[in-house]
């Protein structure tokens, strides 16, 4: 999971009509299915959970 507050490129808010995150300054939209690059931040083998750091979007 990537926490919204940890995405540093913009301040994102959730738009429930588009079911997406919208950047306040750039109006950039992140939604399910978008390809992004992440880095593993933490792995909890007992809880079977992974936490990630958001690196960037794949805009290619």
PDB file of N, CA and C in Angstrom:
ATOM      1  N   UNK A   1       0.840  -1.169   0.000  1.00  0.00           N
ATOM      2  CA  UNK A   1       0.000   0.000   0.000  1.00  0.00           C
ATOM      3  C   UNK A   1       0.892   1.242   0.000  1.00  0.00           C
ATOM      4  N   UNK A   2       0.478   2.244  -0.741  1.00  0.00           N
ATOM      5  CA  UNK A   2       1.128   3.559  -0.729  1.00  0.00           C
ATOM      6  C   UNK A   2       0.150   4.531  -0.080  1.00  0.00           C
ATOM      7  N   UNK A   3       0.593   5.214   0.941  1.00  0.00           N
ATOM      8  CA  UNK A   3      -0.272   6.197   1.599  1.00  0.00           C
ATOM      9  C   UNK A   3      -0.296   7.487   0.779  1.00  0.00           C
ATOM     10  N   UNK A   4      -1.469   8.068   0.652  1.00  0.00           N
ATOM     11  CA  UNK A   4      -1.633   9.275  -0.170  1.00  0.00           C
ATOM     12  C   UNK A   4      -0.726  10.397   0.312  1.00  0.00           C
ATOM     13  N   UNK A   5      -0.614  10.563   1.612  1.00  0.00           N
ATOM     14  CA  UNK A   5       0.189  11.668   2.154  1.00  0.00           C
ATOM     15  C   UNK A   5       1.678  11.509   1.852  1.00  0.00           C
ATOM     16  N   UNK A   6       2.109  10.316   1.442  1.00  0.00           N
ATOM     17  CA  UNK A   6       3.514  10.081   1.143  1.00  0.00           C
ATOM     18  C   UNK A   6       3.862  10.320  -0.326  1.00  0.00           C
ATOM     19  N   UNK A   7       2.879  10.666  -1.154  1.00  0.00           N
ATOM     20  CA  UNK A   7       3.147  11.017  -2.552  1.00  0.00           C
ATOM     21  C   UNK A   7       3.559  12.482  -2.556  1.00  0.00           C
ATOM     22  N   UNK A   8       4.833  12.738  -2.794  1.00  0.00           N
ATOM     23  CA  UNK A   8       5.392  14.084  -2.602  1.00  0.00           C
ATOM     24  C   UNK A   8       5.283  14.998  -3.813  1.00  0.00           C
ATOM     25  N   UNK A   9       4.943  14.477  -4.982  1.00  0.00           N
ATOM     26  CA  UNK A   9       4.966  15.315  -6.182  1.00  0.00           C
ATOM     27  C   UNK A   9       3.838  16.348  -6.229  1.00  0.00           C
ATOM     28  N   UNK A  10       2.785  16.140  -5.438  1.00  0.00           N
ATOM     29  CA  UNK A  10       1.648  17.059  -5.400  1.00  0.00           C
ATOM     30  C   UNK A  10       0.818  16.714  -4.160  1.00  0.00           C
ATOM     31  N   UNK A  11      -0.175  17.529  -3.865  1.00  0.00           N
ATOM     32  CA  UNK A  11      -1.113  17.221  -2.785  1.00  0.00           C
ATOM     33  C   UNK A  11      -2.353  16.623  -3.442  1.00  0.00           C
ATOM     34  N   UNK A  12      -2.620  15.342  -3.178  1.00  0.00           N
ATOM     35  CA  UNK A  12      -3.717  14.634  -3.826  1.00  0.00           C
ATOM     36  C   UNK A  12      -4.918  14.519  -2.917  1.00  0.00           C
ATOM     37  N   UNK A  13      -6.102  14.687  -3.504  1.00  0.00           N
ATOM     38  CA  UNK A  13      -7.358  14.456  -2.802  1.00  0.00           C
ATOM     39  C   UNK A  13      -8.153  13.425  -3.597  1.00  0.00           C
ATOM     40  N   UNK A  14      -9.034  12.723  -2.895  1.00  0.00           N
ATOM     41  CA  UNK A  14      -9.824  11.683  -3.538  1.00  0.00           C
ATOM     42  C   UNK A  14     -11.089  12.271  -4.138  1.00  0.00           C
ATOM     43  N   UNK A  15     -11.321  12.005  -5.419  1.00  0.00           N
ATOM     44  CA  UNK A  15     -12.536  12.423  -6.115  1.00  0.00           C
ATOM     45  C   UNK A  15     -13.419  11.190  -6.265  1.00  0.00           C
ATOM     46  N   UNK A  16     -14.506  11.138  -5.498  1.00  0.00           N
ATOM     47  CA  UNK A  16     -15.336   9.939  -5.510  1.00  0.00           C
ATOM     48  C   UNK A  16     -16.139   9.766  -6.797  1.00  0.00           C
ATOM     49  N   UNK A  17     -16.356  10.835  -7.560  1.00  0.00           N
ATOM     50  CA  UNK A  17     -17.071  10.708  -8.832  1.00  0.00           C
ATOM     51  C   UNK A  17     -16.213  10.021  -9.887  1.00  0.00           C
ATOM     52  N   UNK A  18     -14.911  10.357  -9.907  1.00  0.00           N
ATOM     53  CA  UNK A  18     -13.988   9.722 -10.847  1.00  0.00           C
ATOM     54  C   UNK A  18     -13.329   8.489 -10.241  1.00  0.00           C
ATOM     55  N   UNK A  19     -13.521   8.296  -8.940  1.00  0.00           N
ATOM     56  CA  UNK A  19     -12.869   7.233  -8.169  1.00  0.00           C
ATOM     57  C   UNK A  19     -11.360   7.285  -8.434  1.00  0.00           C
ATOM     58  N   UNK A  20     -10.802   8.482  -8.228  1.00  0.00           N
ATOM     59  CA  UNK A  20      -9.402   8.729  -8.544  1.00  0.00           C
ATOM     60  C   UNK A  20      -8.824   9.759  -7.585  1.00  0.00           C
ATOM     61  N   UNK A  21      -7.495   9.830  -7.568  1.00  0.00           N
ATOM     62  CA  UNK A  21      -6.795  10.874  -6.828  1.00  0.00           C
ATOM     63  C   UNK A  21      -6.478  12.000  -7.802  1.00  0.00           C
ATOM     64  N   UNK A  22      -6.750  13.238  -7.386  1.00  0.00           N
ATOM     65  CA  UNK A  22      -6.522  14.399  -8.245  1.00  0.00           C
ATOM     66  C   UNK A  22      -5.545  15.332  -7.547  1.00  0.00           C
ATOM     67  N   UNK A  23      -4.467  15.697  -8.264  1.00  0.00           N
ATOM     68  CA  UNK A  23      -3.469  16.609  -7.722  1.00  0.00           C
ATOM     69  C   UNK A  23      -4.007  18.021  -7.644  1.00  0.00           C
ATOM     70  N   UNK A  24      -3.814  18.654  -6.510  1.00  0.00           N
ATOM     71  CA  UNK A  24      -4.349  20.002  -6.303  1.00  0.00           C
ATOM     72  C   UNK A  24      -3.677  21.026  -7.219  1.00  0.00           C
ATOM     73  N   UNK A  25      -2.369  20.990  -7.338  1.00  0.00           N
ATOM     74  CA  UNK A  25      -1.646  21.990  -8.130  1.00  0.00           C
ATOM     75  C   UNK A  25      -1.631  21.649  -9.619  1.00  0.00           C
ATOM     76  N   UNK A  26      -1.435  20.368  -9.946  1.00  0.00           N
ATOM     77  CA  UNK A  26      -1.231  19.965 -11.340  1.00  0.00           C
ATOM     78  C   UNK A  26      -2.477  19.404 -12.012  1.00  0.00           C
ATOM     79  N   UNK A  27      -3.514  19.104 -11.224  1.00  0.00           N
ATOM     80  CA  UNK A  27      -4.720  18.434 -11.724  1.00  0.00           C
ATOM     81  C   UNK A  27      -4.407  17.070 -12.334  1.00  0.00           C
ATOM     82  N   UNK A  28      -3.248  16.525 -11.987  1.00  0.00           N
ATOM     83  CA  UNK A  28      -2.842  15.196 -12.427  1.00  0.00           C
ATOM     84  C   UNK A  28      -3.755  14.165 -11.775  1.00  0.00           C
ATOM     85  N   UNK A  29      -4.150  13.148 -12.538  1.00  0.00           N
ATOM     86  CA  UNK A  29      -5.082  12.143 -12.043  1.00  0.00           C
ATOM     87  C   UNK A  29      -4.382  10.794 -11.927  1.00  0.00           C
ATOM     88  N   UNK A  30      -4.525  10.170 -10.763  1.00  0.00           N
ATOM     89  CA  UNK A  30      -4.060   8.806 -10.530  1.00  0.00           C
ATOM     90  C   UNK A  30      -5.287   7.958 -10.255  1.00  0.00           C
ATOM     91  N   UNK A  31      -5.441   6.878 -11.016  1.00  0.00           N
ATOM     92  CA  UNK A  31      -6.586   6.019 -10.777  1.00  0.00           C
ATOM     93  C   UNK A  31      -6.211   4.562 -10.942  1.00  0.00           C
ATOM     94  N   UNK A  32      -7.106   3.692 -10.522  1.00  0.00           N
ATOM     95  CA  UNK A  32      -6.857   2.259 -10.607  1.00  0.00           C
ATOM     96  C   UNK A  32      -6.480   1.874 -12.030  1.00  0.00           C
ATOM     97  N   UNK A  33      -5.448   1.065 -12.145  1.00  0.00           N
ATOM     98  CA  UNK A  33      -4.990   0.611 -13.452  1.00  0.00           C
ATOM     99  C   UNK A  33      -3.822   1.409 -13.999  1.00  0.00           C
ATOM    100  N   UNK A  34      -3.551   2.604 -13.425  1.00  0.00           N
ATOM    101  CA  UNK A  34      -2.398   3.391 -13.875  1.00  0.00           C
ATOM    102  C   UNK A  34      -1.114   2.670 -13.491  1.00  0.00           C
ATOM    103  N   UNK A  35      -0.147   2.686 -14.386  1.00  0.00           N
ATOM    104  CA  UNK A  35       1.143   2.071 -14.113  1.00  0.00           C
ATOM    105  C   UNK A  35       2.033   3.076 -13.381  1.00  0.00           C
ATOM    106  N   UNK A  36       2.560   2.665 -12.237  1.00  0.00           N
ATOM    107  CA  UNK A  36       3.425   3.518 -11.434  1.00  0.00           C
ATOM    108  C   UNK A  36       4.661   2.734 -11.011  1.00  0.00           C
ATOM    109  N   UNK A  37       5.688   3.442 -10.605  1.00  0.00           N
ATOM    110  CA  UNK A  37       6.896   2.829 -10.077  1.00  0.00           C
ATOM    111  C   UNK A  37       6.904   3.028  -8.568  1.00  0.00           C
ATOM    112  N   UNK A  38       7.182   1.955  -7.843  1.00  0.00           N
ATOM    113  CA  UNK A  38       7.229   1.994  -6.393  1.00  0.00           C
ATOM    114  C   UNK A  38       8.480   1.283  -5.900  1.00  0.00           C
ATOM    115  N   UNK A  39       8.808   1.529  -4.649  1.00  0.00           N
ATOM    116  CA  UNK A  39       9.935   0.856  -3.994  1.00  0.00           C
ATOM    117  C   UNK A  39       9.402   0.251  -2.703  1.00  0.00           C
ATOM    118  N   UNK A  40       9.802  -0.981  -2.411  1.00  0.00           N
ATOM    119  CA  UNK A  40       9.328  -1.630  -1.188  1.00  0.00           C
ATOM    120  C   UNK A  40       9.885  -0.878   0.019  1.00  0.00           C
ATOM    121  N   UNK A  41       8.997  -0.469   0.910  1.00  0.00           N
ATOM    122  CA  UNK A  41       9.361   0.275   2.111  1.00  0.00           C
ATOM    123  C   UNK A  41       9.445  -0.665   3.307  1.00  0.00           C
ATOM    124  N   UNK A  42       8.472  -1.579   3.416  1.00  0.00           N
ATOM    125  CA  UNK A  42       8.418  -2.483   4.553  1.00  0.00           C
ATOM    126  C   UNK A  42       7.701  -3.760   4.142  1.00  0.00           C
ATOM    127  N   UNK A  43       8.188  -4.878   4.664  1.00  0.00           N
ATOM    128  CA  UNK A  43       7.532  -6.171   4.450  1.00  0.00           C
ATOM    129  C   UNK A  43       7.303  -6.818   5.803  1.00  0.00           C
ATOM    130  N   UNK A  44       6.044  -7.087   6.110  1.00  0.00           N
ATOM    131  CA  UNK A  44       5.692  -7.749   7.360  1.00  0.00           C
ATOM    132  C   UNK A  44       5.226  -9.157   7.004  1.00  0.00           C
ATOM    133  N   UNK A  45       6.096 -10.140   7.219  1.00  0.00           N
ATOM    134  CA  UNK A  45       5.798 -11.512   6.847  1.00  0.00           C
ATOM    135  C   UNK A  45       4.731 -12.135   7.728  1.00  0.00           C
ATOM    136  N   UNK A  46       4.638 -11.702   8.973  1.00  0.00           N
ATOM    137  CA  UNK A  46       3.627 -12.241   9.881  1.00  0.00           C
ATOM    138  C   UNK A  46       2.228 -11.789   9.448  1.00  0.00           C
ATOM    139  N   UNK A  47       2.081 -10.484   9.188  1.00  0.00           N
ATOM    140  CA  UNK A  47       0.786  -9.945   8.767  1.00  0.00           C
ATOM    141  C   UNK A  47       0.534 -10.118   7.273  1.00  0.00           C
ATOM    142  N   UNK A  48       1.574 -10.526   6.542  1.00  0.00           N
ATOM    143  CA  UNK A  48       1.514 -10.673   5.077  1.00  0.00           C
ATOM    144  C   UNK A  48       1.105  -9.355   4.419  1.00  0.00           C
ATOM    145  N   UNK A  49       1.822  -8.281   4.796  1.00  0.00           N
ATOM    146  CA  UNK A  49       1.560  -6.946   4.266  1.00  0.00           C
ATOM    147  C   UNK A  49       2.832  -6.352   3.679  1.00  0.00           C
ATOM    148  N   UNK A  50       2.657  -5.592   2.604  1.00  0.00           N
ATOM    149  CA  UNK A  50       3.748  -4.847   1.989  1.00  0.00           C
ATOM    150  C   UNK A  50       3.389  -3.371   1.980  1.00  0.00           C
ATOM    151  N   UNK A  51       4.356  -2.523   2.318  1.00  0.00           N
ATOM    152  CA  UNK A  51       4.204  -1.074   2.191  1.00  0.00           C
ATOM    153  C   UNK A  51       5.205  -0.601   1.155  1.00  0.00           C
ATOM    154  N   UNK A  52       4.785   0.402   0.370  1.00  0.00           N
ATOM    155  CA  UNK A  52       5.615   0.892  -0.727  1.00  0.00           C
ATOM    156  C   UNK A  52       5.821   2.395  -0.628  1.00  0.00           C
ATOM    157  N   UNK A  53       6.910   2.883  -1.203  1.00  0.00           N
ATOM    158  CA  UNK A  53       7.130   4.304  -1.447  1.00  0.00           C
ATOM    159  C   UNK A  53       6.796   4.560  -2.910  1.00  0.00           C
ATOM    160  N   UNK A  54       6.011   5.593  -3.165  1.00  0.00           N
ATOM    161  CA  UNK A  54       5.677   5.990  -4.529  1.00  0.00           C
ATOM    162  C   UNK A  54       6.893   6.670  -5.136  1.00  0.00           C
ATOM    163  N   UNK A  55       7.348   6.189  -6.285  1.00  0.00           N
ATOM    164  CA  UNK A  55       8.494   6.793  -6.957  1.00  0.00           C
ATOM    165  C   UNK A  55       8.020   7.768  -8.034  1.00  0.00           C
ATOM    166  N   UNK A  56       7.257   7.260  -8.977  1.00  0.00           N
ATOM    167  CA  UNK A  56       6.717   8.138 -10.027  1.00  0.00           C
ATOM    168  C   UNK A  56       5.711   7.377 -10.878  1.00  0.00           C
ATOM    169  N   UNK A  57       4.986   8.126 -11.695  1.00  0.00           N
ATOM    170  CA  UNK A  57       4.066   7.540 -12.672  1.00  0.00           C
ATOM    171  C   UNK A  57       4.837   7.090 -13.887  1.00  0.00           C
ATOM    172  N   UNK A  58       4.293   6.179 -14.619  1.00  0.00           N
ATOM    173  CA  UNK A  58       4.863   5.788 -15.894  1.00  0.00           C
ATOM    174  C   UNK A  58       4.070   6.512 -16.967  1.00  0.00           C
ATOM    175  N   UNK A  59       4.597   7.625 -17.450  1.00  0.00           N
ATOM    176  CA  UNK A  59       3.890   8.457 -18.440  1.00  0.00           C
ATOM    177  C   UNK A  59       4.296   8.141 -19.869  1.00  0.00           C
ATOM    178  N   UNK A  60       4.950   7.008 -20.081  1.00  0.00           N
ATOM    179  CA  UNK A  60       5.383   6.700 -21.450  1.00  0.00           C
ATOM    180  C   UNK A  60       4.279   6.140 -22.287  1.00  0.00           C
TER     181      UNK A  60
END
